[in-house]
Amino acid sequence: MAQRITSVVNSDQIIVLNEGKIAGIGTHEELKESNKIYQEIMKSQLSEEEIA
């Protein structure tokens, strides 16, 4: 379990939770492209250079 994107970016599978419910499952690249909640977390934690 982690709250920082940098801690999970290389994980085989990431589960995104929102209000205690599963909001997405996938790799960093999959979630980066398709999951709004994951994208919001990325924007709040990473610089523009790190996101690209």
PDB file of N, CA and C in Angstrom:
ATOM      1  N   MET A   1       0.855  -1.159   0.000  1.00  0.00           N
ATOM      2  CA  MET A   1       0.000   0.000   0.000  1.00  0.00           C
ATOM      3  C   MET A   1       0.905   1.227   0.000  1.00  0.00           C
ATOM      4  N   ALA A   2       0.577   2.196  -0.831  1.00  0.00           N
ATOM      5  CA  ALA A   2       1.375   3.417  -0.921  1.00  0.00           C
ATOM      6  C   ALA A   2       0.473   4.585  -1.297  1.00  0.00           C
ATOM      7  N   GLN A   3       0.921   5.764  -0.943  1.00  0.00           N
ATOM      8  CA  GLN A   3       0.183   6.974  -1.298  1.00  0.00           C
ATOM      9  C   GLN A   3       0.937   7.833  -2.302  1.00  0.00           C
ATOM     10  N   ARG A   4       2.193   7.494  -2.551  1.00  0.00           N
ATOM     11  CA  ARG A   4       3.006   8.277  -3.479  1.00  0.00           C
ATOM     12  C   ARG A   4       3.144   7.546  -4.811  1.00  0.00           C
ATOM     13  N   ILE A   5       2.927   8.272  -5.894  1.00  0.00           N
ATOM     14  CA  ILE A   5       3.073   7.710  -7.238  1.00  0.00           C
ATOM     15  C   ILE A   5       4.476   7.137  -7.425  1.00  0.00           C
ATOM     16  N   THR A   6       5.483   7.841  -6.929  1.00  0.00           N
ATOM     17  CA  THR A   6       6.864   7.389  -7.117  1.00  0.00           C
ATOM     18  C   THR A   6       7.124   6.040  -6.459  1.00  0.00           C
ATOM     19  N   SER A   7       6.329   5.659  -5.483  1.00  0.00           N
ATOM     20  CA  SER A   7       6.497   4.370  -4.807  1.00  0.00           C
ATOM     21  C   SER A   7       5.899   3.209  -5.602  1.00  0.00           C
ATOM     22  N   VAL A   8       4.965   3.489  -6.488  1.00  0.00           N
ATOM     23  CA  VAL A   8       4.264   2.417  -7.198  1.00  0.00           C
ATOM     24  C   VAL A   8       4.488   2.403  -8.705  1.00  0.00           C
ATOM     25  N   VAL A   9       5.195   3.380  -9.214  1.00  0.00           N
ATOM     26  CA  VAL A   9       5.331   3.544 -10.663  1.00  0.00           C
ATOM     27  C   VAL A   9       5.865   2.287 -11.364  1.00  0.00           C
ATOM     28  N   ASN A  10       6.701   1.504 -10.725  1.00  0.00           N
ATOM     29  CA  ASN A  10       7.268   0.304 -11.350  1.00  0.00           C
ATOM     30  C   ASN A  10       6.559  -0.984 -10.942  1.00  0.00           C
ATOM     31  N   SER A  11       5.440  -0.869 -10.271  1.00  0.00           N
ATOM     32  CA  SER A  11       4.691  -2.056  -9.827  1.00  0.00           C
ATOM     33  C   SER A  11       4.039  -2.764 -11.013  1.00  0.00           C
ATOM     34  N   ASP A  12       3.882  -4.084 -10.890  1.00  0.00           N
ATOM     35  CA  ASP A  12       3.217  -4.868 -11.935  1.00  0.00           C
ATOM     36  C   ASP A  12       1.738  -4.518 -12.042  1.00  0.00           C
ATOM     37  N   GLN A  13       1.129  -4.193 -10.899  1.00  0.00           N
ATOM     38  CA  GLN A  13      -0.291  -3.848 -10.883  1.00  0.00           C
ATOM     39  C   GLN A  13      -0.549  -2.834  -9.777  1.00  0.00           C
ATOM     40  N   ILE A  14      -1.302  -1.796 -10.118  1.00  0.00           N
ATOM     41  CA  ILE A  14      -1.662  -0.742  -9.173  1.00  0.00           C
ATOM     42  C   ILE A  14      -3.182  -0.746  -9.056  1.00  0.00           C
ATOM     43  N   ILE A  15      -3.668  -0.662  -7.831  1.00  0.00           N
ATOM     44  CA  ILE A  15      -5.109  -0.556  -7.593  1.00  0.00           C
ATOM     45  C   ILE A  15      -5.373   0.843  -7.053  1.00  0.00           C
ATOM     46  N   VAL A  16      -6.193   1.602  -7.755  1.00  0.00           N
ATOM     47  CA  VAL A  16      -6.543   2.960  -7.350  1.00  0.00           C
ATOM     48  C   VAL A  16      -7.836   2.893  -6.548  1.00  0.00           C
ATOM     49  N   LEU A  17      -7.807   3.462  -5.342  1.00  0.00           N
ATOM     50  CA  LEU A  17      -8.999   3.507  -4.501  1.00  0.00           C
ATOM     51  C   LEU A  17      -9.531   4.926  -4.433  1.00  0.00           C
ATOM     52  N   ASN A  18     -10.843   5.058  -4.421  1.00  0.00           N
ATOM     53  CA  ASN A  18     -11.497   6.346  -4.252  1.00  0.00           C
ATOM     54  C   ASN A  18     -12.650   6.145  -3.280  1.00  0.00           C
ATOM     55  N   GLU A  19     -12.560   6.792  -2.129  1.00  0.00           N
ATOM     56  CA  GLU A  19     -13.570   6.659  -1.082  1.00  0.00           C
ATOM     57  C   GLU A  19     -13.801   5.193  -0.714  1.00  0.00           C
ATOM     58  N   GLY A  20     -12.708   4.432  -0.630  1.00  0.00           N
ATOM     59  CA  GLY A  20     -12.775   3.042  -0.210  1.00  0.00           C
ATOM     60  C   GLY A  20     -13.199   2.044  -1.272  1.00  0.00           C
ATOM     61  N   LYS A  21     -13.431   2.508  -2.484  1.00  0.00           N
ATOM     62  CA  LYS A  21     -13.857   1.626  -3.565  1.00  0.00           C
ATOM     63  C   LYS A  21     -12.808   1.609  -4.667  1.00  0.00           C
ATOM     64  N   ILE A  22     -12.697   0.485  -5.351  1.00  0.00           N
ATOM     65  CA  ILE A  22     -11.739   0.367  -6.447  1.00  0.00           C
ATOM     66  C   ILE A  22     -12.178   1.259  -7.602  1.00  0.00           C
ATOM     67  N   ALA A  23     -11.278   2.163  -8.003  1.00  0.00           N
ATOM     68  CA  ALA A  23     -11.564   3.094  -9.087  1.00  0.00           C
ATOM     69  C   ALA A  23     -10.753   2.769 -10.339  1.00  0.00           C
ATOM     70  N   GLY A  24      -9.825   1.832 -10.223  1.00  0.00           N
ATOM     71  CA  GLY A  24      -9.028   1.437 -11.373  1.00  0.00           C
ATOM     72  C   GLY A  24      -7.974   0.425 -10.991  1.00  0.00           C
ATOM     73  N   ILE A  25      -7.608  -0.402 -11.966  1.00  0.00           N
ATOM     74  CA  ILE A  25      -6.555  -1.400 -11.791  1.00  0.00           C
ATOM     75  C   ILE A  25      -5.739  -1.422 -13.073  1.00  0.00           C
ATOM     76  N   GLY A  26      -4.415  -1.411 -12.926  1.00  0.00           N
ATOM     77  CA  GLY A  26      -3.553  -1.501 -14.100  1.00  0.00           C
ATOM     78  C   GLY A  26      -2.128  -1.127 -13.769  1.00  0.00           C
ATOM     79  N   THR A  27      -1.319  -1.044 -14.800  1.00  0.00           N
ATOM     80  CA  THR A  27       0.055  -0.580 -14.630  1.00  0.00           C
ATOM     81  C   THR A  27       0.048   0.947 -14.585  1.00  0.00           C
ATOM     82  N   HIS A  28       1.189   1.514 -14.266  1.00  0.00           N
ATOM     83  CA  HIS A  28       1.312   2.975 -14.256  1.00  0.00           C
ATOM     84  C   HIS A  28       0.930   3.543 -15.619  1.00  0.00           C
ATOM     85  N   GLU A  29       1.462   2.959 -16.681  1.00  0.00           N
ATOM     86  CA  GLU A  29       1.185   3.476 -18.028  1.00  0.00           C
ATOM     87  C   GLU A  29      -0.294   3.365 -18.385  1.00  0.00           C
ATOM     88  N   GLU A  30      -0.917   2.254 -18.041  1.00  0.00           N
ATOM     89  CA  GLU A  30      -2.343   2.071 -18.337  1.00  0.00           C
ATOM     90  C   GLU A  30      -3.192   3.089 -17.589  1.00  0.00           C
ATOM     91  N   LEU A  31      -2.920   3.260 -16.304  1.00  0.00           N
ATOM     92  CA  LEU A  31      -3.701   4.192 -15.491  1.00  0.00           C
ATOM     93  C   LEU A  31      -3.430   5.639 -15.882  1.00  0.00           C
ATOM     94  N   LYS A  32      -2.193   5.927 -16.228  1.00  0.00           N
ATOM     95  CA  LYS A  32      -1.805   7.277 -16.661  1.00  0.00           C
ATOM     96  C   LYS A  32      -2.627   7.710 -17.880  1.00  0.00           C
ATOM     97  N   GLU A  33      -2.921   6.763 -18.760  1.00  0.00           N
ATOM     98  CA  GLU A  33      -3.660   7.067 -19.984  1.00  0.00           C
ATOM     99  C   GLU A  33      -5.176   7.046 -19.805  1.00  0.00           C
ATOM    100  N   SER A  34      -5.683   6.239 -18.861  1.00  0.00           N
ATOM    101  CA  SER A  34      -7.126   5.989 -18.865  1.00  0.00           C
ATOM    102  C   SER A  34      -7.886   6.308 -17.580  1.00  0.00           C
ATOM    103  N   ASN A  35      -7.182   6.614 -16.487  1.00  0.00           N
ATOM    104  CA  ASN A  35      -7.882   6.754 -15.210  1.00  0.00           C
ATOM    105  C   ASN A  35      -7.795   8.191 -14.686  1.00  0.00           C
ATOM    106  N   LYS A  36      -8.921   8.868 -14.637  1.00  0.00           N
ATOM    107  CA  LYS A  36      -8.963  10.283 -14.224  1.00  0.00           C
ATOM    108  C   LYS A  36      -8.448  10.490 -12.802  1.00  0.00           C
ATOM    109  N   ILE A  37      -8.787   9.611 -11.897  1.00  0.00           N
ATOM    110  CA  ILE A  37      -8.349   9.766 -10.505  1.00  0.00           C
ATOM    111  C   ILE A  37      -6.838   9.631 -10.420  1.00  0.00           C
ATOM    112  N   TYR A  38      -6.282   8.629 -11.100  1.00  0.00           N
ATOM    113  CA  TYR A  38      -4.830   8.440 -11.120  1.00  0.00           C
ATOM    114  C   TYR A  38      -4.151   9.664 -11.739  1.00  0.00           C
ATOM    115  N   GLN A  39      -4.732  10.198 -12.799  1.00  0.00           N
ATOM    116  CA  GLN A  39      -4.182  11.391 -13.443  1.00  0.00           C
ATOM    117  C   GLN A  39      -4.181  12.582 -12.484  1.00  0.00           C
ATOM    118  N   GLU A  40      -5.238  12.740 -11.707  1.00  0.00           N
ATOM    119  CA  GLU A  40      -5.311  13.831 -10.729  1.00  0.00           C
ATOM    120  C   GLU A  40      -4.251  13.673  -9.648  1.00  0.00           C
ATOM    121  N   ILE A  41      -4.057  12.442  -9.187  1.00  0.00           N
ATOM    122  CA  ILE A  41      -3.026  12.184  -8.180  1.00  0.00           C
ATOM    123  C   ILE A  41      -1.657  12.509  -8.757  1.00  0.00           C
ATOM    124  N   MET A  42      -1.410  12.080  -9.997  1.00  0.00           N
ATOM    125  CA  MET A  42      -0.129  12.380 -10.644  1.00  0.00           C
ATOM    126  C   MET A  42       0.119  13.885 -10.709  1.00  0.00           C
ATOM    127  N   LYS A  43      -0.885  14.637 -11.140  1.00  0.00           N
ATOM    128  CA  LYS A  43      -0.739  16.087 -11.276  1.00  0.00           C
ATOM    129  C   LYS A  43      -0.446  16.752  -9.944  1.00  0.00           C
ATOM    130  N   SER A  44      -0.999  16.216  -8.864  1.00  0.00           N
ATOM    131  CA  SER A  44      -0.791  16.821  -7.548  1.00  0.00           C
ATOM    132  C   SER A  44       0.568  16.464  -6.952  1.00  0.00           C
ATOM    133  N   GLN A  45       1.184  15.379  -7.428  1.00  0.00           N
ATOM    134  CA  GLN A  45       2.427  14.910  -6.825  1.00  0.00           C
ATOM    135  C   GLN A  45       3.668  15.091  -7.691  1.00  0.00           C
ATOM    136  N   LEU A  46       3.502  15.167  -8.997  1.00  0.00           N
ATOM    137  CA  LEU A  46       4.646  15.188  -9.897  1.00  0.00           C
ATOM    138  C   LEU A  46       4.722  16.487 -10.678  1.00  0.00           C
ATOM    139  N   SER A  47       5.933  16.839 -11.089  1.00  0.00           N
ATOM    140  CA  SER A  47       6.114  18.010 -11.945  1.00  0.00           C
ATOM    141  C   SER A  47       5.722  17.635 -13.375  1.00  0.00           C
ATOM    142  N   GLU A  48       5.559  18.627 -14.228  1.00  0.00           N
ATOM    143  CA  GLU A  48       5.202  18.384 -15.630  1.00  0.00           C
ATOM    144  C   GLU A  48       6.245  17.505 -16.320  1.00  0.00           C
ATOM    145  N   GLU A  49       7.523  17.704 -15.993  1.00  0.00           N
ATOM    146  CA  GLU A  49       8.597  16.914 -16.598  1.00  0.00           C
ATOM    147  C   GLU A  49       8.494  15.445 -16.191  1.00  0.00           C
ATOM    148  N   GLU A  50       8.138  15.191 -14.935  1.00  0.00           N
ATOM    149  CA  GLU A  50       8.024  13.817 -14.454  1.00  0.00           C
ATOM    150  C   GLU A  50       6.819  13.109 -15.061  1.00  0.00           C
ATOM    151  N   ILE A  51       5.761  13.854 -15.347  1.00  0.00           N
ATOM    152  CA  ILE A  51       4.548  13.268 -15.919  1.00  0.00           C
ATOM    153  C   ILE A  51       4.775  12.861 -17.369  1.00  0.00           C
ATOM    154  N   ALA A  52       5.516  13.638 -18.108  1.00  0.00           N
ATOM    155  CA  ALA A  52       5.749  13.388 -19.544  1.00  0.00           C
ATOM    156  C   ALA A  52       6.570  12.185 -19.833  1.00  0.00           C
TER     157      ALA A  52
END
